[in-house]
């Protein structure tokens, strides 16, 4: 898990994506990020980030399992967030994803997500505002 988590953070940094929320699990991950300011095409930049991250992670996992060439990542969905309320709700959704999946009772106890970082770096008012956002109306594929 640490390697997958660190890999996502590494490739986001390489491609100049500014992560604001992330959660990494053995079978999927979520993140909310801002595209690079100098990117003419944010979608192309995201495709490059994901291609490199998936290639690196797949090679590493397959080497560990002795399964060279096995397909590890099967698909991904992206959403361009254009409404502030939806953006804030998705930040909350991603920060709280480990709780949703029953992995931990409190999000900041899950080491492979952004909750600890968010609570440490944001103001108390920002944390309260984001964590109060409703997520039940979000349309996020997350049946893992």
Protein backbone atom coordinates (compact mmCIF):
# COMPACT_ATOMS: atom_id res chain seq x y z
CA UNK A 1 0.00 0.00 0.00
CA UNK A 2 2.81 2.39 0.83
CA UNK A 3 4.35 1.90 -2.61
CA UNK A 4 1.05 2.57 -4.40
CA UNK A 5 0.38 5.60 -2.21
CA UNK A 6 3.88 6.99 -2.71
CA UNK A 7 3.71 6.25 -6.44
CA UNK A 8 0.53 8.28 -6.86
CA UNK A 9 2.06 11.21 -4.99
CA UNK A 10 5.30 10.89 -6.98
CA UNK A 11 3.64 10.93 -10.41
CA UNK A 12 1.27 13.74 -9.44
CA UNK A 13 4.37 15.76 -8.49
CA UNK A 14 6.24 14.86 -11.70
CA UNK A 15 3.28 15.92 -13.82
CA UNK A 16 2.64 19.04 -11.68
CA UNK A 17 -0.84 18.02 -10.59
CA UNK A 18 -1.73 19.58 -7.22
CA UNK A 19 -3.45 16.90 -5.16
CA UNK A 20 -6.05 18.08 -2.68
CA UNK A 21 -7.54 14.74 -1.65
CA UNK A 22 -6.52 11.13 -2.26
CA UNK A 23 -7.26 7.64 -1.00
CA UNK A 24 -5.40 4.51 -2.13
CA UNK A 25 -6.67 0.96 -1.61
CA UNK A 26 -5.49 -2.45 -2.83
CA UNK A 27 -8.04 -2.51 -5.66
CA UNK A 28 -8.75 1.15 -6.49
CA UNK A 29 -7.93 4.75 -5.69
CA UNK A 30 -9.51 8.21 -5.83
CA UNK A 31 -8.03 11.65 -6.02
CA UNK A 32 -9.08 15.25 -6.48
CA UNK A 33 -6.45 17.51 -8.00
CA UNK A 34 -5.84 20.69 -9.91
CA UNK A 35 -4.27 20.34 -13.34
CA UNK A 36 -0.98 22.12 -14.02
CA UNK A 37 -1.44 25.82 -14.64
CA UNK A 38 0.77 25.70 -17.72
CA UNK A 39 -0.93 22.64 -19.26
CA UNK A 40 -2.65 23.47 -22.54
CA UNK A 41 -4.64 20.26 -22.27
CA UNK A 42 -5.29 19.07 -18.73
CA UNK A 43 -6.80 15.80 -19.99
CA UNK A 44 -3.62 14.94 -21.91
CA UNK A 45 -1.53 15.74 -18.85
CA UNK A 46 -3.76 13.53 -16.72
CA UNK A 47 -3.52 10.70 -19.25
CA UNK A 48 0.27 10.88 -19.09
CA UNK A 49 0.30 10.90 -15.29
CA UNK A 50 -2.02 7.89 -15.11
CA UNK A 51 -0.22 5.97 -17.86
CA UNK A 52 3.13 6.34 -16.10
CA UNK A 53 1.72 5.63 -12.64
CA UNK A 54 -0.18 2.56 -13.85
CA UNK A 55 2.81 1.24 -15.80
CA UNK A 56 5.14 1.64 -12.83
CA UNK A 57 2.69 0.17 -10.32
CA UNK A 58 1.74 -2.72 -12.63
CA UNK A 59 5.36 -3.67 -13.25
CA UNK A 60 6.13 -3.57 -9.53
CA UNK A 61 3.04 -5.58 -8.48
CA UNK A 62 3.55 -8.15 -11.24
CA UNK A 63 7.19 -8.59 -10.26
CA UNK A 64 6.16 -9.18 -6.64
CA UNK A 65 3.58 -11.76 -7.74
CA UNK A 66 5.74 -13.35 -10.45
CA UNK A 67 3.07 -12.49 -13.03
CA UNK A 68 4.90 -10.53 -15.74
CA UNK A 69 2.53 -8.90 -18.22
CA UNK A 70 -0.69 -9.30 -16.21
CA UNK A 71 -3.11 -6.39 -16.59
CA UNK A 72 -3.41 -4.72 -13.18
CA UNK A 73 -5.34 -1.50 -13.84
CA UNK A 74 -8.47 -2.06 -15.89
CA UNK A 75 -10.09 1.35 -16.28
CA UNK A 76 -10.49 4.81 -14.85
CA UNK A 77 -13.07 7.57 -14.74
CA UNK A 78 -12.38 11.23 -14.64
CA UNK A 79 -14.67 14.11 -13.86
CA UNK A 80 -13.97 17.76 -14.44
CA UNK A 81 -15.31 19.58 -11.42
CA UNK A 82 -16.82 22.94 -12.32
CA UNK A 83 -19.19 23.66 -9.42
CA UNK A 84 -17.81 24.64 -6.04
CA UNK A 85 -20.36 22.64 -4.04
CA UNK A 86 -19.62 19.47 -6.04
CA UNK A 87 -15.89 20.08 -5.66
CA UNK A 88 -16.16 20.42 -1.88
CA UNK A 89 -18.41 17.35 -1.62
CA UNK A 90 -15.90 15.29 -3.60
CA UNK A 91 -13.06 16.46 -1.39
CA UNK A 92 -15.04 15.17 1.59
CA UNK A 93 -15.93 11.94 -0.22
CA UNK A 94 -12.29 11.15 -1.01
CA UNK A 95 -11.00 12.13 2.45
CA UNK A 96 -13.66 9.88 4.05
CA UNK A 97 -13.43 6.96 1.58
CA UNK A 98 -11.68 4.59 4.00
CA UNK A 99 -14.56 5.09 6.45
CA UNK A 100 -17.10 4.45 3.66
CA UNK A 101 -15.40 1.13 2.93
CA UNK A 102 -15.32 0.18 6.63
CA UNK A 103 -11.52 0.07 6.79
CA UNK A 104 -11.26 2.52 9.70
CA UNK A 105 -13.78 4.24 11.99
CA UNK A 106 -12.16 7.69 11.52
CA UNK A 107 -10.64 8.81 8.23
CA UNK A 108 -7.41 10.22 9.69
CA UNK A 109 -6.53 6.73 10.98
CA UNK A 110 -6.04 5.43 7.41
CA UNK A 111 -2.40 6.06 6.47
CA UNK A 112 -2.87 5.93 2.68
CA UNK A 113 -5.23 8.85 2.30
CA UNK A 114 -5.09 12.60 2.62
CA UNK A 115 -7.19 13.07 5.77
CA UNK A 116 -4.26 13.44 8.19
CA UNK A 117 -2.50 15.86 5.85
CA UNK A 118 -5.68 17.86 5.27
CA UNK A 119 -6.47 18.16 8.98
CA UNK A 120 -2.88 19.21 9.70
CA UNK A 121 -2.55 21.83 6.93
CA UNK A 122 -6.04 23.34 6.60
CA UNK A 123 -7.63 25.70 9.06
CA UNK A 124 -10.20 24.28 11.49
CA UNK A 125 -12.88 26.25 9.62
CA UNK A 126 -11.83 24.69 6.28
CA UNK A 127 -11.83 21.17 7.76
CA UNK A 128 -15.26 21.70 9.30
CA UNK A 129 -16.65 23.15 6.07
CA UNK A 130 -15.37 20.29 3.88
CA UNK A 131 -16.29 17.53 6.33
CA UNK A 132 -19.83 18.92 6.62
CA UNK A 133 -20.48 18.59 2.88
CA UNK A 134 -23.08 15.98 1.95
CA UNK A 135 -21.85 13.19 -0.29
CA UNK A 136 -24.98 11.08 -0.65
CA UNK A 137 -26.00 12.78 -3.91
CA UNK A 138 -22.63 12.26 -5.63
CA UNK A 139 -22.50 9.94 -8.61
CA UNK A 140 -19.16 8.18 -7.99
CA UNK A 141 -18.48 4.65 -9.18
CA UNK A 142 -17.08 3.06 -6.02
CA UNK A 143 -18.43 -0.49 -5.61
CA UNK A 144 -15.09 -2.02 -4.72
